[in-house]
């Protein structure tokens, strides 16, 4: 976990509790979790995104297939 041991993690939690207070800490943890999840989702595209055909969509949302004759 980023080279942090349990003593360092406990120290960080103690400092966070002293700075933000115990009532605000769950809200901050939730916001941090949502932010990290958003970053992870952007870095790892969903499989549904990989199944889409490549190419520009037309007005109806369907992919225009080029005819090279």
PDB file of N, CA and C in Angstrom:
ATOM      1  N   UNK A   1       0.837  -1.180   0.000  1.00  0.00           N
ATOM      2  CA  UNK A   1       0.000   0.000   0.000  1.00  0.00           C
ATOM      3  C   UNK A   1       0.884   1.245   0.000  1.00  0.00           C
ATOM      4  N   UNK A   2       1.535   1.520  -1.092  1.00  0.00           N
ATOM      5  CA  UNK A   2       2.393   2.687  -1.291  1.00  0.00           C
ATOM      6  C   UNK A   2       3.553   2.734  -0.309  1.00  0.00           C
ATOM      7  N   UNK A   3       3.968   1.597   0.200  1.00  0.00           N
ATOM      8  CA  UNK A   3       5.083   1.548   1.119  1.00  0.00           C
ATOM      9  C   UNK A   3       4.744   2.047   2.518  1.00  0.00           C
ATOM     10  N   UNK A   4       3.456   2.142   2.839  1.00  0.00           N
ATOM     11  CA  UNK A   4       3.042   2.591   4.163  1.00  0.00           C
ATOM     12  C   UNK A   4       2.734   1.387   5.037  1.00  0.00           C
ATOM     13  N   UNK A   5       3.215   1.415   6.250  1.00  0.00           N
ATOM     14  CA  UNK A   5       2.893   0.370   7.211  1.00  0.00           C
ATOM     15  C   UNK A   5       1.695   0.798   8.054  1.00  0.00           C
ATOM     16  N   UNK A   6       1.269  -0.100   8.956  1.00  0.00           N
ATOM     17  CA  UNK A   6       0.125   0.208   9.806  1.00  0.00           C
ATOM     18  C   UNK A   6       0.363   1.411  10.710  1.00  0.00           C
ATOM     19  N   UNK A   7       1.559   1.592  11.259  1.00  0.00           N
ATOM     20  CA  UNK A   7       1.752   2.784  12.102  1.00  0.00           C
ATOM     21  C   UNK A   7       1.550   4.091  11.328  1.00  0.00           C
ATOM     22  N   UNK A   8       2.015   4.131  10.080  1.00  0.00           N
ATOM     23  CA  UNK A   8       1.849   5.341   9.270  1.00  0.00           C
ATOM     24  C   UNK A   8       0.382   5.586   8.932  1.00  0.00           C
ATOM     25  N   UNK A   9      -0.350   4.500   8.614  1.00  0.00           N
ATOM     26  CA  UNK A   9      -1.767   4.628   8.283  1.00  0.00           C
ATOM     27  C   UNK A   9      -2.541   5.128   9.503  1.00  0.00           C
ATOM     28  N   UNK A  10      -2.246   4.592  10.675  1.00  0.00           N
ATOM     29  CA  UNK A  10      -2.921   5.045  11.891  1.00  0.00           C
ATOM     30  C   UNK A  10      -2.605   6.508  12.201  1.00  0.00           C
ATOM     31  N   UNK A  11      -1.371   6.921  11.962  1.00  0.00           N
ATOM     32  CA  UNK A  11      -0.997   8.315  12.182  1.00  0.00           C
ATOM     33  C   UNK A  11      -1.758   9.232  11.223  1.00  0.00           C
ATOM     34  N   UNK A  12      -1.874   8.832   9.964  1.00  0.00           N
ATOM     35  CA  UNK A  12      -2.619   9.629   8.984  1.00  0.00           C
ATOM     36  C   UNK A  12      -4.085   9.732   9.395  1.00  0.00           C
ATOM     37  N   UNK A  13      -4.691   8.615   9.840  1.00  0.00           N
ATOM     38  CA  UNK A  13      -6.082   8.647  10.289  1.00  0.00           C
ATOM     39  C   UNK A  13      -6.260   9.548  11.519  1.00  0.00           C
ATOM     40  N   UNK A  14      -5.335   9.478  12.441  1.00  0.00           N
ATOM     41  CA  UNK A  14      -5.407  10.323  13.634  1.00  0.00           C
ATOM     42  C   UNK A  14      -5.340  11.796  13.260  1.00  0.00           C
ATOM     43  N   UNK A  15      -4.428  12.151  12.372  1.00  0.00           N
ATOM     44  CA  UNK A  15      -4.303  13.547  11.934  1.00  0.00           C
ATOM     45  C   UNK A  15      -5.570  13.985  11.199  1.00  0.00           C
ATOM     46  N   UNK A  16      -6.131  13.103  10.358  1.00  0.00           N
ATOM     47  CA  UNK A  16      -7.360  13.444   9.638  1.00  0.00           C
ATOM     48  C   UNK A  16      -8.517  13.664  10.602  1.00  0.00           C
ATOM     49  N   UNK A  17      -8.610  12.840  11.637  1.00  0.00           N
ATOM     50  CA  UNK A  17      -9.673  13.013  12.631  1.00  0.00           C
ATOM     51  C   UNK A  17      -9.489  14.332  13.381  1.00  0.00           C
ATOM     52  N   UNK A  18      -8.255  14.675  13.703  1.00  0.00           N
ATOM     53  CA  UNK A  18      -8.005  15.933  14.409  1.00  0.00           C
ATOM     54  C   UNK A  18      -8.318  17.143  13.532  1.00  0.00           C
ATOM     55  N   UNK A  19      -8.029  17.051  12.247  1.00  0.00           N
ATOM     56  CA  UNK A  19      -8.247  18.189  11.348  1.00  0.00           C
ATOM     57  C   UNK A  19      -9.726  18.334  10.982  1.00  0.00           C
ATOM     58  N   UNK A  20     -10.360  17.239  10.543  1.00  0.00           N
ATOM     59  CA  UNK A  20     -11.721  17.322  10.006  1.00  0.00           C
ATOM     60  C   UNK A  20     -12.800  16.967  11.016  1.00  0.00           C
ATOM     61  N   UNK A  21     -12.462  16.238  12.048  1.00  0.00           N
ATOM     62  CA  UNK A  21     -13.454  15.825  13.030  1.00  0.00           C
ATOM     63  C   UNK A  21     -14.094  14.506  12.635  1.00  0.00           C
ATOM     64  N   UNK A  22     -14.583  13.762  13.616  1.00  0.00           N
ATOM     65  CA  UNK A  22     -15.128  12.435  13.342  1.00  0.00           C
ATOM     66  C   UNK A  22     -16.440  12.457  12.556  1.00  0.00           C
ATOM     67  N   UNK A  23     -17.181  13.564  12.605  1.00  0.00           N
ATOM     68  CA  UNK A  23     -18.454  13.621  11.868  1.00  0.00           C
ATOM     69  C   UNK A  23     -18.250  13.853  10.377  1.00  0.00           C
ATOM     70  N   UNK A  24     -17.229  14.565  10.009  1.00  0.00           N
ATOM     71  CA  UNK A  24     -16.974  14.903   8.605  1.00  0.00           C
ATOM     72  C   UNK A  24     -16.167  13.817   7.887  1.00  0.00           C
ATOM     73  N   UNK A  25     -15.467  12.979   8.634  1.00  0.00           N
ATOM     74  CA  UNK A  25     -14.568  11.988   8.048  1.00  0.00           C
ATOM     75  C   UNK A  25     -15.277  10.983   7.131  1.00  0.00           C
ATOM     76  N   UNK A  26     -16.455  10.435   7.461  1.00  0.00           N
ATOM     77  CA  UNK A  26     -17.120   9.510   6.528  1.00  0.00           C
ATOM     78  C   UNK A  26     -17.497  10.157   5.191  1.00  0.00           C
ATOM     79  N   UNK A  27     -17.902  11.429   5.233  1.00  0.00           N
ATOM     80  CA  UNK A  27     -18.221  12.131   3.992  1.00  0.00           C
ATOM     81  C   UNK A  27     -16.981  12.298   3.126  1.00  0.00           C
ATOM     82  N   UNK A  28     -15.863  12.622   3.746  1.00  0.00           N
ATOM     83  CA  UNK A  28     -14.620  12.780   2.996  1.00  0.00           C
ATOM     84  C   UNK A  28     -14.161  11.445   2.411  1.00  0.00           C
ATOM     85  N   UNK A  29     -14.324  10.372   3.176  1.00  0.00           N
ATOM     86  CA  UNK A  29     -13.963   9.050   2.676  1.00  0.00           C
ATOM     87  C   UNK A  29     -14.812   8.636   1.487  1.00  0.00           C
ATOM     88  N   UNK A  30     -16.104   8.931   1.549  1.00  0.00           N
ATOM     89  CA  UNK A  30     -16.987   8.619   0.426  1.00  0.00           C
ATOM     90  C   UNK A  30     -16.623   9.415  -0.821  1.00  0.00           C
ATOM     91  N   UNK A  31     -16.328  10.684  -0.646  1.00  0.00           N
ATOM     92  CA  UNK A  31     -15.940  11.521  -1.784  1.00  0.00           C
ATOM     93  C   UNK A  31     -14.623  11.046  -2.384  1.00  0.00           C
ATOM     94  N   UNK A  32     -13.684  10.672  -1.526  1.00  0.00           N
ATOM     95  CA  UNK A  32     -12.409  10.157  -2.018  1.00  0.00           C
ATOM     96  C   UNK A  32     -12.603   8.849  -2.781  1.00  0.00           C
ATOM     97  N   UNK A  33     -13.464   7.975  -2.265  1.00  0.00           N
ATOM     98  CA  UNK A  33     -13.745   6.709  -2.947  1.00  0.00           C
ATOM     99  C   UNK A  33     -14.373   6.914  -4.312  1.00  0.00           C
ATOM    100  N   UNK A  34     -15.328   7.850  -4.414  1.00  0.00           N
ATOM    101  CA  UNK A  34     -15.963   8.138  -5.701  1.00  0.00           C
ATOM    102  C   UNK A  34     -14.948   8.707  -6.693  1.00  0.00           C
ATOM    103  N   UNK A  35     -14.070   9.564  -6.196  1.00  0.00           N
ATOM    104  CA  UNK A  35     -13.058  10.159  -7.068  1.00  0.00           C
ATOM    105  C   UNK A  35     -12.098   9.101  -7.593  1.00  0.00           C
ATOM    106  N   UNK A  36     -11.621   8.226  -6.705  1.00  0.00           N
ATOM    107  CA  UNK A  36     -10.700   7.175  -7.134  1.00  0.00           C
ATOM    108  C   UNK A  36     -11.379   6.199  -8.084  1.00  0.00           C
ATOM    109  N   UNK A  37     -12.664   5.878  -7.835  1.00  0.00           N
ATOM    110  CA  UNK A  37     -13.409   4.988  -8.727  1.00  0.00           C
ATOM    111  C   UNK A  37     -13.549   5.618 -10.111  1.00  0.00           C
ATOM    112  N   UNK A  38     -13.790   6.934 -10.156  1.00  0.00           N
ATOM    113  CA  UNK A  38     -13.889   7.634 -11.439  1.00  0.00           C
ATOM    114  C   UNK A  38     -12.577   7.589 -12.205  1.00  0.00           C
ATOM    115  N   UNK A  39     -11.457   7.793 -11.512  1.00  0.00           N
ATOM    116  CA  UNK A  39     -10.158   7.702 -12.171  1.00  0.00           C
ATOM    117  C   UNK A  39      -9.909   6.303 -12.700  1.00  0.00           C
ATOM    118  N   UNK A  40     -10.244   5.292 -11.895  1.00  0.00           N
ATOM    119  CA  UNK A  40     -10.033   3.906 -12.313  1.00  0.00           C
ATOM    120  C   UNK A  40     -10.899   3.565 -13.526  1.00  0.00           C
ATOM    121  N   UNK A  41     -12.138   4.043 -13.538  1.00  0.00           N
ATOM    122  CA  UNK A  41     -13.016   3.776 -14.665  1.00  0.00           C
ATOM    123  C   UNK A  41     -12.511   4.442 -15.935  1.00  0.00           C
ATOM    124  N   UNK A  42     -11.930   5.610 -15.817  1.00  0.00           N
ATOM    125  CA  UNK A  42     -11.389   6.289 -16.995  1.00  0.00           C
ATOM    126  C   UNK A  42     -10.128   5.602 -17.519  1.00  0.00           C
ATOM    127  N   UNK A  43      -9.328   5.054 -16.623  1.00  0.00           N
ATOM    128  CA  UNK A  43      -8.102   4.383 -17.045  1.00  0.00           C
ATOM    129  C   UNK A  43      -8.371   2.996 -17.613  1.00  0.00           C
ATOM    130  N   UNK A  44      -9.394   2.316 -17.122  1.00  0.00           N
ATOM    131  CA  UNK A  44      -9.746   0.976 -17.591  1.00  0.00           C
ATOM    132  C   UNK A  44     -11.105   1.039 -18.271  1.00  0.00           C
ATOM    133  N   UNK A  45     -11.142   1.165 -19.603  1.00  0.00           N
ATOM    134  CA  UNK A  45     -12.431   1.276 -20.291  1.00  0.00           C
ATOM    135  C   UNK A  45     -13.257   0.001 -20.115  1.00  0.00           C
ATOM    136  N   UNK A  46     -14.560   0.188 -20.058  1.00  0.00           N
ATOM    137  CA  UNK A  46     -15.463  -0.947 -19.909  1.00  0.00           C
ATOM    138  C   UNK A  46     -15.419  -1.832 -21.150  1.00  0.00           C
ATOM    139  N   UNK A  47     -15.801  -3.085 -20.987  1.00  0.00           N
ATOM    140  CA  UNK A  47     -15.844  -4.003 -22.120  1.00  0.00           C
ATOM    141  C   UNK A  47     -16.896  -3.568 -23.119  1.00  0.00           C
ATOM    142  N   UNK A  48     -17.960  -2.927 -22.650  1.00  0.00           N
ATOM    143  CA  UNK A  48     -18.997  -2.479 -23.580  1.00  0.00           C
ATOM    144  C   UNK A  48     -18.449  -1.420 -24.536  1.00  0.00           C
ATOM    145  N   UNK A  49     -17.480  -0.630 -24.083  1.00  0.00           N
ATOM    146  CA  UNK A  49     -16.871   0.358 -24.961  1.00  0.00           C
ATOM    147  C   UNK A  49     -16.014  -0.312 -26.033  1.00  0.00           C
ATOM    148  N   UNK A  50     -15.441  -1.465 -25.718  1.00  0.00           N
ATOM    149  CA  UNK A  50     -14.608  -2.160 -26.688  1.00  0.00           C
ATOM    150  C   UNK A  50     -15.437  -2.875 -27.741  1.00  0.00           C
ATOM    151  N   UNK A  51     -16.709  -3.169 -27.456  1.00  0.00           N
ATOM    152  CA  UNK A  51     -17.568  -3.869 -28.400  1.00  0.00           C
ATOM    153  C   UNK A  51     -18.169  -2.945 -29.449  1.00  0.00           C
ATOM    154  N   UNK A  52     -18.057  -1.653 -29.248  1.00  0.00           N
ATOM    155  CA  UNK A  52     -18.612  -0.710 -30.226  1.00  0.00           C
ATOM    156  C   UNK A  52     -17.787  -0.740 -31.494  1.00  0.00           C
ATOM    157  N   UNK A  53     -18.442  -0.691 -32.646  1.00  0.00           N
ATOM    158  CA  UNK A  53     -17.695  -0.634 -33.896  1.00  0.00           C
ATOM    159  C   UNK A  53     -17.021   0.725 -34.056  1.00  0.00           C
ATOM    160  N   UNK A  54     -15.889   0.711 -34.683  1.00  0.00           N
ATOM    161  CA  UNK A  54     -15.162   1.952 -34.904  1.00  0.00           C
ATOM    162  C   UNK A  54     -15.749   2.674 -36.107  1.00  0.00           C
ATOM    163  N   UNK A  55     -15.683   3.962 -36.077  1.00  0.00           N
ATOM    164  CA  UNK A  55     -16.179   4.754 -37.187  1.00  0.00           C
ATOM    165  C   UNK A  55     -17.116   5.837 -36.679  1.00  0.00           C
ATOM    166  N   UNK A  56     -17.319   6.844 -37.509  1.00  0.00           N
ATOM    167  CA  UNK A  56     -18.198   7.934 -37.084  1.00  0.00           C
ATOM    168  C   UNK A  56     -19.658   7.504 -37.149  1.00  0.00           C
ATOM    169  N   UNK A  57     -20.456   7.872 -36.156  1.00  0.00           N
ATOM    170  CA  UNK A  57     -21.880   7.530 -36.218  1.00  0.00           C
ATOM    171  C   UNK A  57     -22.621   8.493 -37.129  1.00  0.00           C
ATOM    172  N   UNK A  58     -23.694   8.006 -37.759  1.00  0.00           N
ATOM    173  CA  UNK A  58     -24.512   8.904 -38.557  1.00  0.00           C
ATOM    174  C   UNK A  58     -25.552   9.551 -37.643  1.00  0.00           C
ATOM    175  N   UNK A  59     -26.544  10.189 -38.193  1.00  0.00           N
ATOM    176  CA  UNK A  59     -27.529  10.932 -37.417  1.00  0.00           C
ATOM    177  C   UNK A  59     -28.329  10.011 -36.492  1.00  0.00           C
ATOM    178  N   UNK A  60     -28.622   8.784 -36.928  1.00  0.00           N
ATOM    179  CA  UNK A  60     -29.421   7.857 -36.124  1.00  0.00           C
ATOM    180  C   UNK A  60     -28.601   7.127 -35.087  1.00  0.00           C
ATOM    181  N   UNK A  61     -27.301   7.351 -35.023  1.00  0.00           N
ATOM    182  CA  UNK A  61     -26.454   6.665 -34.061  1.00  0.00           C
ATOM    183  C   UNK A  61     -25.843   5.399 -34.603  1.00  0.00           C
ATOM    184  N   UNK A  62     -26.146   5.044 -35.849  1.00  0.00           N
ATOM    185  CA  UNK A  62     -25.560   3.852 -36.453  1.00  0.00           C
ATOM    186  C   UNK A  62     -24.260   4.224 -37.132  1.00  0.00           C
ATOM    187  N   UNK A  63     -23.386   3.262 -37.248  1.00  0.00           N
ATOM    188  CA  UNK A  63     -22.086   3.504 -37.849  1.00  0.00           C
ATOM    189  C   UNK A  63     -22.226   3.469 -39.363  1.00  0.00           C
ATOM    190  N   UNK A  64     -21.646   4.461 -40.020  1.00  0.00           N
ATOM    191  CA  UNK A  64     -21.651   4.511 -41.476  1.00  0.00           C
ATOM    192  C   UNK A  64     -20.543   3.630 -41.996  1.00  0.00           C
ATOM    193  N   UNK A  65     -20.875   2.684 -42.842  1.00  0.00           N
ATOM    194  CA  UNK A  65     -19.864   1.800 -43.409  1.00  0.00           C
ATOM    195  C   UNK A  65     -19.441   2.370 -44.760  1.00  0.00           C
ATOM    196  N   UNK A  66     -18.150   2.563 -44.899  1.00  0.00           N
ATOM    197  CA  UNK A  66     -17.630   3.089 -46.144  1.00  0.00           C
ATOM    198  C   UNK A  66     -17.595   2.024 -47.228  1.00  0.00           C
ATOM    199  N   UNK A  67     -17.957   2.409 -48.446  1.00  0.00           N
ATOM    200  CA  UNK A  67     -17.930   1.493 -49.574  1.00  0.00           C
ATOM    201  C   UNK A  67     -16.784   1.899 -50.482  1.00  0.00           C
ATOM    202  N   UNK A  68     -15.735   1.098 -50.484  1.00  0.00           N
ATOM    203  CA  UNK A  68     -14.561   1.417 -51.294  1.00  0.00           C
ATOM    204  C   UNK A  68     -14.602   0.594 -52.562  1.00  0.00           C
ATOM    205  N   UNK A  69     -15.173   1.156 -53.601  1.00  0.00           N
ATOM    206  CA  UNK A  69     -15.270   0.438 -54.880  1.00  0.00           C
ATOM    207  C   UNK A  69     -14.301   0.986 -55.886  1.00  0.00           C
TER     208      UNK A  69
END
